[in-house]
Amino acid sequence: MRLRNYLIVVNDIEKSKKFYQNLFGLNVLVEYEGNLILTDGLVLQDKGVWEQATGRKVLPENNASELYFEENNIEAFADKLENLYPETVYINRLMTHSWGQKVIRFYDPDGNLIEVGTPY
């Protein structure tokens, strides 16, 4: 057995597709019935499809999980994020942990938590 994908729920597939393409360089592999499979295994699923399939409401900004990306030039990434998406809600802006790793945490437009850090 192996993990193939990870799925996040979004309100607007097109808006989220642009967000993940523009900010992270992910591209669409497959698109079907309220779902987009992007490169690197990320799946975007329409909120209505999720709620109908599971019978559960989506809880944005629930802080129960996080997408983690690594970036060598994190200062440039932080600038790009601010320039492309100035309305971003941050958990923490660019900071340095005591062990030297630089990180930034924020929500995507649908309240999914993202962390971008420098490699360990």
Protein backbone atom coordinates (compact mmCIF):
# COMPACT_ATOMS: atom_id res chain seq x y z
CA MET A 1 0.00 0.00 0.00
CA ARG A 2 1.13 3.58 -0.60
CA LEU A 3 -0.21 7.07 -0.14
CA ARG A 4 -1.14 8.46 -3.56
CA ASN A 5 -2.69 11.85 -2.90
CA TYR A 6 -3.76 14.29 -0.25
CA LEU A 7 -7.01 16.16 -0.69
CA ILE A 8 -8.08 19.58 0.51
CA VAL A 9 -11.52 21.11 0.20
CA VAL A 10 -11.94 24.44 -1.59
CA ASN A 11 -14.82 26.80 -2.27
CA ASP A 12 -13.74 27.87 -5.77
CA ILE A 13 -11.77 25.35 -7.83
CA GLU A 14 -10.58 27.94 -10.39
CA LYS A 15 -9.41 30.42 -7.75
CA SER A 16 -7.59 27.68 -5.84
CA LYS A 17 -6.05 26.25 -9.00
CA LYS A 18 -4.56 29.66 -9.81
CA PHE A 19 -3.34 30.06 -6.21
CA TYR A 20 -1.44 26.75 -6.24
CA GLN A 21 -0.15 27.28 -9.78
CA ASN A 22 1.00 30.87 -9.23
CA LEU A 23 2.51 30.41 -5.80
CA PHE A 24 3.87 26.85 -5.86
CA GLY A 25 4.16 26.02 -9.57
CA LEU A 26 1.78 23.04 -9.34
CA ASN A 27 0.06 22.01 -12.56
CA VAL A 28 -3.19 20.22 -13.34
CA LEU A 29 -2.84 16.54 -14.17
CA VAL A 30 -6.53 15.52 -14.14
CA GLU A 31 -9.78 17.44 -13.84
CA TYR A 32 -13.16 15.79 -13.28
CA GLU A 33 -16.49 16.42 -11.50
CA GLY A 34 -15.41 19.00 -8.91
CA ASN A 35 -11.91 17.57 -8.48
CA LEU A 36 -8.47 18.64 -9.68
CA ILE A 37 -5.42 16.46 -9.28
CA LEU A 38 -2.30 18.61 -9.30
CA THR A 39 1.35 17.68 -9.56
CA ASP A 40 3.03 16.54 -6.32
CA GLY A 41 -0.14 14.68 -5.29
CA LEU A 42 -2.34 17.57 -4.20
CA VAL A 43 -6.06 17.16 -4.94
CA LEU A 44 -8.48 20.08 -4.77
CA GLN A 45 -12.09 19.09 -4.22
CA ASP A 46 -15.11 21.36 -4.46
CA LYS A 47 -16.75 22.00 -1.08
CA GLY A 48 -20.17 20.91 -2.37
CA VAL A 49 -18.80 17.60 -3.64
CA TRP A 50 -17.09 16.96 -0.29
CA GLU A 51 -20.14 17.78 1.79
CA GLN A 52 -22.41 15.66 -0.39
CA ALA A 53 -20.03 12.68 -0.34
CA THR A 54 -19.31 12.79 3.39
CA GLY A 55 -22.42 14.36 4.86
CA ARG A 56 -20.10 16.60 6.89
CA LYS A 57 -19.60 20.36 6.92
CA VAL A 58 -16.19 21.81 6.13
CA LEU A 59 -14.45 23.60 9.00
CA PRO A 60 -11.98 26.13 7.55
CA GLU A 61 -9.01 27.22 9.66
CA ASN A 62 -9.40 24.16 11.88
CA ASN A 63 -5.62 23.85 12.30
CA ALA A 64 -5.85 20.05 12.32
CA SER A 65 -3.49 19.55 9.38
CA GLU A 66 -0.98 21.44 7.30
CA LEU A 67 0.50 21.34 3.81
CA TYR A 68 4.28 21.64 4.09
CA PHE A 69 6.54 22.93 1.31
CA GLU A 70 10.29 23.58 1.32
CA GLU A 71 11.91 26.55 -0.36
CA ASN A 72 15.59 27.52 -0.40
CA ASN A 73 14.93 31.19 -1.20
CA ILE A 74 12.23 31.75 1.40
CA GLU A 75 12.65 35.52 1.49
CA ALA A 76 11.78 35.72 -2.21
CA PHE A 77 8.82 33.39 -1.59
CA ALA A 78 7.54 35.59 1.25
CA ASP A 79 7.77 38.63 -1.05
CA LYS A 80 5.96 36.75 -3.83
CA LEU A 81 3.18 35.71 -1.44
CA GLU A 82 2.72 39.28 -0.21
CA ASN A 83 2.72 40.72 -3.75
CA LEU A 84 0.38 38.13 -5.31
CA TYR A 85 -1.93 37.64 -2.32
CA PRO A 86 -1.81 40.69 0.00
CA GLU A 87 -5.05 39.55 1.68
CA THR A 88 -3.32 36.42 3.05
CA VAL A 89 -4.12 35.52 6.65
CA TYR A 90 -0.90 34.58 8.46
CA ILE A 91 -0.30 32.34 11.44
CA ASN A 92 3.26 33.68 11.47
CA ARG A 93 5.10 35.79 8.97
CA LEU A 94 8.64 34.84 8.07
CA MET A 95 10.50 33.85 11.23
CA THR A 96 13.53 31.83 12.26
CA HIS A 97 13.24 28.95 14.72
CA SER A 98 15.88 28.47 17.43
CA TRP A 99 17.42 25.64 15.36
CA GLY A 100 17.91 27.97 12.37
CA GLN A 101 15.09 26.94 10.05
CA LYS A 102 13.14 29.82 8.52
CA VAL A 103 9.38 29.31 8.15
CA ILE A 104 6.20 31.11 7.24
CA ARG A 105 2.68 29.82 8.00
CA PHE A 106 -0.54 31.06 6.44
CA TYR A 107 -3.94 29.97 5.20
CA ASP A 108 -4.81 29.44 1.56
CA PRO A 109 -7.96 31.25 0.34
CA ASP A 110 -10.13 28.45 1.81
CA GLY A 111 -8.59 28.24 5.26
CA ASN A 112 -6.24 25.31 4.62
CA LEU A 113 -3.05 25.77 6.64
CA ILE A 114 0.25 25.94 4.74
CA GLU A 115 3.80 26.04 6.05
CA VAL A 116 6.77 26.90 3.87
CA GLY A 117 10.19 26.34 5.39
CA THR A 118 13.80 26.18 4.42
CA PRO A 119 15.23 22.66 4.13
CA TYR A 120 16.55 21.20 7.41
